[in-house]
Amino acid sequence: MEEKNYTYILKCSDGSLYTGWTNRLEERLVAHQSGRGAKYTKGRRPVELVYWERFATKSEAMSREAAIKRMSRKEKMALIHRGYESLDLLTN
C-alpha cells in the first residue's frame, strides 16, 4: 500500500503563509479550519490550501517542510505560482 504523506502551504486570513506536513491532508485542513490544527493558524482563520506535494515517506515530507520553511516569502509565492501553472497544464 502506497503511503501518502503531504507537505502543504496554507494562506491565512491575514495573508501570512503556514507550512506543515501530514499523512491525512483533508482531515488536517478540517482541523486547521476548526481551530484545532496549529496555534499559528488558530487565530488566523479561515485558511486556504494554496500548495501541496505528496511523498512516499514521512521523512521526505518532513524534509520538504523544513526546506520550504527556510524559503523567503518571495520564494514560497513563486513555488505556489508554479504549482498553479502545473495544475493549469493538467486541466487544459
PDB file of N, CA and C in Angstrom:
ATOM      1  N   MET A   1       0.839  -1.187   0.000  1.00  0.00           N
ATOM      2  CA  MET A   1       0.000   0.000   0.000  1.00  0.00           C
ATOM      3  C   MET A   1       0.884   1.250   0.000  1.00  0.00           C
ATOM      4  N   GLU A   2       0.564   2.178  -0.874  1.00  0.00           N
ATOM      5  CA  GLU A   2       1.347   3.402  -1.006  1.00  0.00           C
ATOM      6  C   GLU A   2       1.029   4.363   0.136  1.00  0.00           C
ATOM      7  N   GLU A   3       2.070   4.845   0.772  1.00  0.00           N
ATOM      8  CA  GLU A   3       1.902   5.843   1.818  1.00  0.00           C
ATOM      9  C   GLU A   3       1.580   7.191   1.193  1.00  0.00           C
ATOM     10  N   LYS A   4       0.801   7.972   1.876  1.00  0.00           N
ATOM     11  CA  LYS A   4       0.501   9.320   1.418  1.00  0.00           C
ATOM     12  C   LYS A   4       0.897  10.293   2.520  1.00  0.00           C
ATOM     13  N   ASN A   5       1.975  10.973   2.291  1.00  0.00           N
ATOM     14  CA  ASN A   5       2.474  11.985   3.215  1.00  0.00           C
ATOM     15  C   ASN A   5       2.548  13.287   2.445  1.00  0.00           C
ATOM     16  N   TYR A   6       2.076  14.340   3.043  1.00  0.00           N
ATOM     17  CA  TYR A   6       1.938  15.607   2.342  1.00  0.00           C
ATOM     18  C   TYR A   6       2.691  16.721   3.044  1.00  0.00           C
ATOM     19  N   THR A   7       3.276  17.596   2.255  1.00  0.00           N
ATOM     20  CA  THR A   7       3.772  18.886   2.712  1.00  0.00           C
ATOM     21  C   THR A   7       2.836  19.903   2.081  1.00  0.00           C
ATOM     22  N   TYR A   8       2.382  20.862   2.868  1.00  0.00           N
ATOM     23  CA  TYR A   8       1.382  21.794   2.361  1.00  0.00           C
ATOM     24  C   TYR A   8       1.646  23.218   2.830  1.00  0.00           C
ATOM     25  N   ILE A   9       1.076  24.162   2.095  1.00  0.00           N
ATOM     26  CA  ILE A   9       1.139  25.577   2.476  1.00  0.00           C
ATOM     27  C   ILE A   9      -0.288  26.100   2.537  1.00  0.00           C
ATOM     28  N   LEU A  10      -0.595  26.777   3.630  1.00  0.00           N
ATOM     29  CA  LEU A  10      -1.883  27.434   3.803  1.00  0.00           C
ATOM     30  C   LEU A  10      -1.691  28.942   3.731  1.00  0.00           C
ATOM     31  N   LYS A  11      -2.641  29.618   3.140  1.00  0.00           N
ATOM     32  CA  LYS A  11      -2.675  31.081   3.203  1.00  0.00           C
ATOM     33  C   LYS A  11      -3.697  31.427   4.271  1.00  0.00           C
ATOM     34  N   CYS A  12      -3.255  32.177   5.268  1.00  0.00           N
ATOM     35  CA  CYS A  12      -4.118  32.555   6.385  1.00  0.00           C
ATOM     36  C   CYS A  12      -4.897  33.828   6.061  1.00  0.00           C
ATOM     37  N   SER A  13      -5.925  34.103   6.857  1.00  0.00           N
ATOM     38  CA  SER A  13      -6.786  35.259   6.600  1.00  0.00           C
ATOM     39  C   SER A  13      -6.033  36.584   6.664  1.00  0.00           C
ATOM     40  N   ASP A  14      -4.909  36.622   7.387  1.00  0.00           N
ATOM     41  CA  ASP A  14      -4.108  37.849   7.463  1.00  0.00           C
ATOM     42  C   ASP A  14      -3.070  37.936   6.338  1.00  0.00           C
ATOM     43  N   GLY A  15      -3.104  36.962   5.411  1.00  0.00           N
ATOM     44  CA  GLY A  15      -2.176  36.966   4.284  1.00  0.00           C
ATOM     45  C   GLY A  15      -0.876  36.214   4.541  1.00  0.00           C
ATOM     46  N   SER A  16      -0.655  35.795   5.764  1.00  0.00           N
ATOM     47  CA  SER A  16       0.571  35.058   6.067  1.00  0.00           C
ATOM     48  C   SER A  16       0.456  33.626   5.544  1.00  0.00           C
ATOM     49  N   LEU A  17       1.601  32.954   5.476  1.00  0.00           N
ATOM     50  CA  LEU A  17       1.657  31.584   4.976  1.00  0.00           C
ATOM     51  C   LEU A  17       2.083  30.649   6.100  1.00  0.00           C
ATOM     52  N   TYR A  18       1.461  29.481   6.144  1.00  0.00           N
ATOM     53  CA  TYR A  18       1.796  28.456   7.123  1.00  0.00           C
ATOM     54  C   TYR A  18       2.166  27.188   6.369  1.00  0.00           C
ATOM     55  N   THR A  19       3.283  26.572   6.719  1.00  0.00           N
ATOM     56  CA  THR A  19       3.726  25.338   6.089  1.00  0.00           C
ATOM     57  C   THR A  19       3.705  24.213   7.112  1.00  0.00           C
ATOM     58  N   GLY A  20       3.193  23.060   6.698  1.00  0.00           N
ATOM     59  CA  GLY A  20       3.144  21.904   7.582  1.00  0.00           C
ATOM     60  C   GLY A  20       3.240  20.618   6.798  1.00  0.00           C
ATOM     61  N   TRP A  21       3.146  19.502   7.502  1.00  0.00           N
ATOM     62  CA  TRP A  21       3.134  18.189   6.860  1.00  0.00           C
ATOM     63  C   TRP A  21       2.092  17.336   7.574  1.00  0.00           C
ATOM     64  N   THR A  22       1.559  16.357   6.869  1.00  0.00           N
ATOM     65  CA  THR A  22       0.563  15.455   7.436  1.00  0.00           C
ATOM     66  C   THR A  22       0.474  14.200   6.580  1.00  0.00           C
ATOM     67  N   ASN A  23      -0.160  13.173   7.113  1.00  0.00           N
ATOM     68  CA  ASN A  23      -0.438  11.992   6.299  1.00  0.00           C
ATOM     69  C   ASN A  23      -1.941  11.883   6.005  1.00  0.00           C
ATOM     70  N   ARG A  24      -2.706  12.877   6.442  1.00  0.00           N
ATOM     71  CA  ARG A  24      -4.148  12.935   6.178  1.00  0.00           C
ATOM     72  C   ARG A  24      -4.514  14.386   5.854  1.00  0.00           C
ATOM     73  N   LEU A  25      -4.310  14.766   4.621  1.00  0.00           N
ATOM     74  CA  LEU A  25      -4.438  16.168   4.234  1.00  0.00           C
ATOM     75  C   LEU A  25      -5.841  16.723   4.473  1.00  0.00           C
ATOM     76  N   GLU A  26      -6.867  16.023   4.040  1.00  0.00           N
ATOM     77  CA  GLU A  26      -8.229  16.544   4.203  1.00  0.00           C
ATOM     78  C   GLU A  26      -8.586  16.722   5.672  1.00  0.00           C
ATOM     79  N   GLU A  27      -8.248  15.738   6.496  1.00  0.00           N
ATOM     80  CA  GLU A  27      -8.527  15.835   7.931  1.00  0.00           C
ATOM     81  C   GLU A  27      -7.755  16.983   8.570  1.00  0.00           C
ATOM     82  N   ARG A  28      -6.524  17.176   8.131  1.00  0.00           N
ATOM     83  CA  ARG A  28      -5.693  18.256   8.684  1.00  0.00           C
ATOM     84  C   ARG A  28      -6.276  19.620   8.335  1.00  0.00           C
ATOM     85  N   LEU A  29      -6.791  19.760   7.120  1.00  0.00           N
ATOM     86  CA  LEU A  29      -7.412  21.027   6.726  1.00  0.00           C
ATOM     87  C   LEU A  29      -8.643  21.321   7.570  1.00  0.00           C
ATOM     88  N   VAL A  30      -9.443  20.319   7.809  1.00  0.00           N
ATOM     89  CA  VAL A  30     -10.622  20.482   8.673  1.00  0.00           C
ATOM     90  C   VAL A  30     -10.176  20.918  10.062  1.00  0.00           C
ATOM     91  N   ALA A  31      -9.115  20.302  10.566  1.00  0.00           N
ATOM     92  CA  ALA A  31      -8.597  20.669  11.891  1.00  0.00           C
ATOM     93  C   ALA A  31      -8.137  22.130  11.915  1.00  0.00           C
ATOM     94  N   HIS A  32      -7.425  22.557  10.881  1.00  0.00           N
ATOM     95  CA  HIS A  32      -6.987  23.957  10.819  1.00  0.00           C
ATOM     96  C   HIS A  32      -8.194  24.893  10.783  1.00  0.00           C
ATOM     97  N   GLN A  33      -9.192  24.564   9.983  1.00  0.00           N
ATOM     98  CA  GLN A  33     -10.367  25.432   9.845  1.00  0.00           C
ATOM     99  C   GLN A  33     -11.174  25.515  11.142  1.00  0.00           C
ATOM    100  N   SER A  34     -11.145  24.462  11.941  1.00  0.00           N
ATOM    101  CA  SER A  34     -11.914  24.451  13.185  1.00  0.00           C
ATOM    102  C   SER A  34     -11.116  24.969  14.384  1.00  0.00           C
ATOM    103  N   GLY A  35      -9.858  25.367  14.150  1.00  0.00           N
ATOM    104  CA  GLY A  35      -9.036  25.894  15.239  1.00  0.00           C
ATOM    105  C   GLY A  35      -8.267  24.833  16.000  1.00  0.00           C
ATOM    106  N   ARG A  36      -8.274  23.598  15.523  1.00  0.00           N
ATOM    107  CA  ARG A  36      -7.567  22.510  16.201  1.00  0.00           C
ATOM    108  C   ARG A  36      -6.283  22.116  15.489  1.00  0.00           C
ATOM    109  N   GLY A  37      -5.896  22.838  14.431  1.00  0.00           N
ATOM    110  CA  GLY A  37      -4.741  22.449  13.624  1.00  0.00           C
ATOM    111  C   GLY A  37      -3.402  22.830  14.214  1.00  0.00           C
ATOM    112  N   ALA A  38      -3.199  24.101  14.418  1.00  0.00           N
ATOM    113  CA  ALA A  38      -1.930  24.609  14.951  1.00  0.00           C
ATOM    114  C   ALA A  38      -2.200  25.934  15.647  1.00  0.00           C
ATOM    115  N   LYS A  39      -1.398  26.234  16.646  1.00  0.00           N
ATOM    116  CA  LYS A  39      -1.567  27.516  17.337  1.00  0.00           C
ATOM    117  C   LYS A  39      -1.515  28.683  16.360  1.00  0.00           C
ATOM    118  N   TYR A  40      -0.577  28.594  15.414  1.00  0.00           N
ATOM    119  CA  TYR A  40      -0.383  29.700  14.477  1.00  0.00           C
ATOM    120  C   TYR A  40      -1.641  29.984  13.670  1.00  0.00           C
ATOM    121  N   THR A  41      -2.293  28.952  13.189  1.00  0.00           N
ATOM    122  CA  THR A  41      -3.461  29.163  12.323  1.00  0.00           C
ATOM    123  C   THR A  41      -4.747  29.395  13.107  1.00  0.00           C
ATOM    124  N   LYS A  42      -4.761  29.044  14.372  1.00  0.00           N
ATOM    125  CA  LYS A  42      -5.991  29.144  15.175  1.00  0.00           C
ATOM    126  C   LYS A  42      -6.585  30.545  15.133  1.00  0.00           C
ATOM    127  N   GLY A  43      -5.757  31.564  15.254  1.00  0.00           N
ATOM    128  CA  GLY A  43      -6.239  32.939  15.256  1.00  0.00           C
ATOM    129  C   GLY A  43      -6.188  33.609  13.897  1.00  0.00           C
ATOM    130  N   ARG A  44      -5.919  32.824  12.873  1.00  0.00           N
ATOM    131  CA  ARG A  44      -5.770  33.396  11.529  1.00  0.00           C
ATOM    132  C   ARG A  44      -6.705  32.714  10.533  1.00  0.00           C
ATOM    133  N   ARG A  45      -7.830  32.249  11.014  1.00  0.00           N
ATOM    134  CA  ARG A  45      -8.815  31.583  10.171  1.00  0.00           C
ATOM    135  C   ARG A  45      -9.733  32.591   9.505  1.00  0.00           C
ATOM    136  N   PRO A  46     -10.301  32.218   8.374  1.00  0.00           N
ATOM    137  CA  PRO A  46     -10.162  30.939   7.692  1.00  0.00           C
ATOM    138  C   PRO A  46      -8.826  30.844   6.958  1.00  0.00           C
ATOM    139  N   VAL A  47      -8.435  29.612   6.687  1.00  0.00           N
ATOM    140  CA  VAL A  47      -7.216  29.355   5.933  1.00  0.00           C
ATOM    141  C   VAL A  47      -7.585  28.729   4.590  1.00  0.00           C
ATOM    142  N   GLU A  48      -6.670  28.858   3.633  1.00  0.00           N
ATOM    143  CA  GLU A  48      -6.897  28.314   2.294  1.00  0.00           C
ATOM    144  C   GLU A  48      -5.686  27.485   1.893  1.00  0.00           C
ATOM    145  N   LEU A  49      -5.920  26.279   1.426  1.00  0.00           N
ATOM    146  CA  LEU A  49      -4.841  25.448   0.925  1.00  0.00           C
ATOM    147  C   LEU A  49      -4.400  26.014  -0.418  1.00  0.00           C
ATOM    148  N   VAL A  50      -3.136  26.441  -0.499  1.00  0.00           N
ATOM    149  CA  VAL A  50      -2.648  27.051  -1.736  1.00  0.00           C
ATOM    150  C   VAL A  50      -1.569  26.217  -2.425  1.00  0.00           C
ATOM    151  N   TYR A  51      -1.051  25.202  -1.736  1.00  0.00           N
ATOM    152  CA  TYR A  51       0.010  24.377  -2.330  1.00  0.00           C
ATOM    153  C   TYR A  51       0.137  23.089  -1.541  1.00  0.00           C
ATOM    154  N   TRP A  52       0.412  21.983  -2.239  1.00  0.00           N
ATOM    155  CA  TRP A  52       0.730  20.728  -1.570  1.00  0.00           C
ATOM    156  C   TRP A  52       1.536  19.832  -2.492  1.00  0.00           C
ATOM    157  N   GLU A  53       2.316  18.964  -1.856  1.00  0.00           N
ATOM    158  CA  GLU A  53       3.095  17.942  -2.551  1.00  0.00           C
ATOM    159  C   GLU A  53       2.877  16.627  -1.816  1.00  0.00           C
ATOM    160  N   ARG A  54       2.896  15.511  -2.543  1.00  0.00           N
ATOM    161  CA  ARG A  54       2.730  14.196  -1.928  1.00  0.00           C
ATOM    162  C   ARG A  54       4.055  13.438  -1.977  1.00  0.00           C
ATOM    163  N   PHE A  55       4.345  12.718  -0.908  1.00  0.00           N
ATOM    164  CA  PHE A  55       5.584  11.951  -0.792  1.00  0.00           C
ATOM    165  C   PHE A  55       5.290  10.534  -0.334  1.00  0.00           C
ATOM    166  N   ALA A  56       6.192   9.633  -0.640  1.00  0.00           N
ATOM    167  CA  ALA A  56       6.041   8.231  -0.251  1.00  0.00           C
ATOM    168  C   ALA A  56       6.317   8.014   1.234  1.00  0.00           C
ATOM    169  N   THR A  57       7.181   8.852   1.823  1.00  0.00           N
ATOM    170  CA  THR A  57       7.545   8.635   3.227  1.00  0.00           C
ATOM    171  C   THR A  57       7.353   9.900   4.065  1.00  0.00           C
ATOM    172  N   LYS A  58       7.170   9.663   5.337  1.00  0.00           N
ATOM    173  CA  LYS A  58       7.053  10.752   6.306  1.00  0.00           C
ATOM    174  C   LYS A  58       8.331  11.585   6.315  1.00  0.00           C
ATOM    175  N   SER A  59       9.461  10.913   6.246  1.00  0.00           N
ATOM    176  CA  SER A  59      10.755  11.585   6.265  1.00  0.00           C
ATOM    177  C   SER A  59      10.900  12.570   5.109  1.00  0.00           C
ATOM    178  N   GLU A  60      10.474  12.157   3.913  1.00  0.00           N
ATOM    179  CA  GLU A  60      10.541  13.046   2.753  1.00  0.00           C
ATOM    180  C   GLU A  60       9.645  14.271   2.949  1.00  0.00           C
ATOM    181  N   ALA A  61       8.443  14.047   3.454  1.00  0.00           N
ATOM    182  CA  ALA A  61       7.514  15.161   3.672  1.00  0.00           C
ATOM    183  C   ALA A  61       8.050  16.136   4.716  1.00  0.00           C
ATOM    184  N   MET A  62       8.617  15.598   5.785  1.00  0.00           N
ATOM    185  CA  MET A  62       9.165  16.458   6.833  1.00  0.00           C
ATOM    186  C   MET A  62      10.384  17.231   6.336  1.00  0.00           C
ATOM    187  N   SER A  63      11.208  16.610   5.524  1.00  0.00           N
ATOM    188  CA  SER A  63      12.378  17.291   4.959  1.00  0.00           C
ATOM    189  C   SER A  63      11.943  18.433   4.045  1.00  0.00           C
ATOM    190  N   ARG A  64      10.919  18.166   3.245  1.00  0.00           N
ATOM    191  CA  ARG A  64      10.416  19.204   2.337  1.00  0.00           C
ATOM    192  C   ARG A  64       9.798  20.345   3.130  1.00  0.00           C
ATOM    193  N   GLU A  65       9.073  20.030   4.201  1.00  0.00           N
ATOM    194  CA  GLU A  65       8.508  21.067   5.067  1.00  0.00           C
ATOM    195  C   GLU A  65       9.626  21.970   5.589  1.00  0.00           C
ATOM    196  N   ALA A  66      10.689  21.374   6.082  1.00  0.00           N
ATOM    197  CA  ALA A  66      11.814  22.143   6.619  1.00  0.00           C
ATOM    198  C   ALA A  66      12.436  23.018   5.535  1.00  0.00           C
ATOM    199  N   ALA A  67      12.576  22.479   4.330  1.00  0.00           N
ATOM    200  CA  ALA A  67      13.156  23.255   3.231  1.00  0.00           C
ATOM    201  C   ALA A  67      12.274  24.439   2.866  1.00  0.00           C
ATOM    202  N   ILE A  68      10.976  24.227   2.815  1.00  0.00           N
ATOM    203  CA  ILE A  68      10.059  25.322   2.486  1.00  0.00           C
ATOM    204  C   ILE A  68      10.073  26.381   3.582  1.00  0.00           C
ATOM    205  N   LYS A  69      10.133  25.959   4.826  1.00  0.00           N
ATOM    206  CA  LYS A  69      10.154  26.921   5.935  1.00  0.00           C
ATOM    207  C   LYS A  69      11.405  27.802   5.891  1.00  0.00           C
ATOM    208  N   ARG A  70      12.471  27.319   5.269  1.00  0.00           N
ATOM    209  CA  ARG A  70      13.688  28.127   5.142  1.00  0.00           C
ATOM    210  C   ARG A  70      13.609  29.122   3.985  1.00  0.00           C
ATOM    211  N   MET A  71      12.617  28.964   3.126  1.00  0.00           N
ATOM    212  CA  MET A  71      12.469  29.859   1.979  1.00  0.00           C
ATOM    213  C   MET A  71      11.951  31.226   2.409  1.00  0.00           C
ATOM    214  N   SER A  72      12.282  32.219   1.608  1.00  0.00           N
ATOM    215  CA  SER A  72      11.710  33.551   1.824  1.00  0.00           C
ATOM    216  C   SER A  72      10.249  33.530   1.365  1.00  0.00           C
ATOM    217  N   ARG A  73       9.496  34.535   1.755  1.00  0.00           N
ATOM    218  CA  ARG A  73       8.108  34.624   1.308  1.00  0.00           C
ATOM    219  C   ARG A  73       8.046  34.685  -0.222  1.00  0.00           C
ATOM    220  N   LYS A  74       8.969  35.428  -0.817  1.00  0.00           N
ATOM    221  CA  LYS A  74       9.004  35.555  -2.278  1.00  0.00           C
ATOM    222  C   LYS A  74       9.197  34.187  -2.926  1.00  0.00           C
ATOM    223  N   GLU A  75      10.099  33.384  -2.378  1.00  0.00           N
ATOM    224  CA  GLU A  75      10.338  32.047  -2.918  1.00  0.00           C
ATOM    225  C   GLU A  75       9.110  31.150  -2.745  1.00  0.00           C
ATOM    226  N   LYS A  76       8.449  31.262  -1.595  1.00  0.00           N
ATOM    227  CA  LYS A  76       7.230  30.471  -1.365  1.00  0.00           C
ATOM    228  C   LYS A  76       6.131  30.872  -2.344  1.00  0.00           C
ATOM    229  N   MET A  77       5.978  32.153  -2.596  1.00  0.00           N
ATOM    230  CA  MET A  77       4.950  32.610  -3.533  1.00  0.00           C
ATOM    231  C   MET A  77       5.253  32.114  -4.949  1.00  0.00           C
ATOM    232  N   ALA A  78       6.526  32.067  -5.325  1.00  0.00           N
ATOM    233  CA  ALA A  78       6.910  31.544  -6.635  1.00  0.00           C
ATOM    234  C   ALA A  78       6.585  30.048  -6.715  1.00  0.00           C
ATOM    235  N   LEU A  79       6.837  29.322  -5.646  1.00  0.00           N
ATOM    236  CA  LEU A  79       6.512  27.897  -5.585  1.00  0.00           C
ATOM    237  C   LEU A  79       5.012  27.690  -5.746  1.00  0.00           C
ATOM    238  N   ILE A  80       4.228  28.478  -5.046  1.00  0.00           N
ATOM    239  CA  ILE A  80       2.765  28.400  -5.138  1.00  0.00           C
ATOM    240  C   ILE A  80       2.318  28.703  -6.563  1.00  0.00           C
ATOM    241  N   HIS A  81       2.890  29.735  -7.144  1.00  0.00           N
ATOM    242  CA  HIS A  81       2.526  30.128  -8.509  1.00  0.00           C
ATOM    243  C   HIS A  81       2.854  29.015  -9.506  1.00  0.00           C
ATOM    244  N   ARG A  82       4.036  28.400  -9.364  1.00  0.00           N
ATOM    245  CA  ARG A  82       4.414  27.298 -10.249  1.00  0.00           C
ATOM    246  C   ARG A  82       3.464  26.126 -10.080  1.00  0.00           C
ATOM    247  N   GLY A  83       3.004  25.907  -8.862  1.00  0.00           N
ATOM    248  CA  GLY A  83       2.034  24.840  -8.605  1.00  0.00           C
ATOM    249  C   GLY A  83       0.742  25.083  -9.358  1.00  0.00           C
ATOM    250  N   TYR A  84       0.287  26.325  -9.380  1.00  0.00           N
ATOM    251  CA  TYR A  84      -0.933  26.652 -10.117  1.00  0.00           C
ATOM    252  C   TYR A  84      -0.720  26.478 -11.615  1.00  0.00           C
ATOM    253  N   GLU A  85       0.466  26.848 -12.105  1.00  0.00           N
ATOM    254  CA  GLU A  85       0.758  26.668 -13.528  1.00  0.00           C
ATOM    255  C   GLU A  85       0.725  25.188 -13.895  1.00  0.00           C
ATOM    256  N   SER A  86       1.264  24.323 -13.040  1.00  0.00           N
ATOM    257  CA  SER A  86       1.259  22.891 -13.290  1.00  0.00           C
ATOM    258  C   SER A  86      -0.167  22.359 -13.306  1.00  0.00           C
ATOM    259  N   LEU A  87      -0.992  22.844 -12.400  1.00  0.00           N
ATOM    260  CA  LEU A  87      -2.393  22.434 -12.348  1.00  0.00           C
ATOM    261  C   LEU A  87      -3.112  22.851 -13.628  1.00  0.00           C
ATOM    262  N   ASP A  88      -2.834  24.065 -14.105  1.00  0.00           N
ATOM    263  CA  ASP A  88      -3.446  24.535 -15.355  1.00  0.00           C
ATOM    264  C   ASP A  88      -3.062  23.631 -16.521  1.00  0.00           C
ATOM    265  N   LEU A  89      -1.806  23.190 -16.552  1.00  0.00           N
ATOM    266  CA  LEU A  89      -1.358  22.316 -17.636  1.00  0.00           C
ATOM    267  C   LEU A  89      -2.103  20.969 -17.599  1.00  0.00           C
ATOM    268  N   LEU A  90      -2.383  20.486 -16.402  1.00  0.00           N
ATOM    269  CA  LEU A  90      -3.071  19.209 -16.266  1.00  0.00           C
ATOM    270  C   LEU A  90      -4.548  19.301 -16.643  1.00  0.00           C
ATOM    271  N   THR A  91      -5.148  20.449 -16.435  1.00  0.00           N
ATOM    272  CA  THR A  91      -6.584  20.589 -16.672  1.00  0.00           C
ATOM    273  C   THR A  91      -6.910  21.122 -18.047  1.00  0.00           C
ATOM    274  N   ASN A  92      -5.933  21.620 -18.778  1.00  0.00           N
ATOM    275  CA  ASN A  92      -6.192  22.170 -20.135  1.00  0.00           C
ATOM    276  C   ASN A  92      -5.682  21.254 -21.219  1.00  0.00           C
TER     277      ASN A  92
END
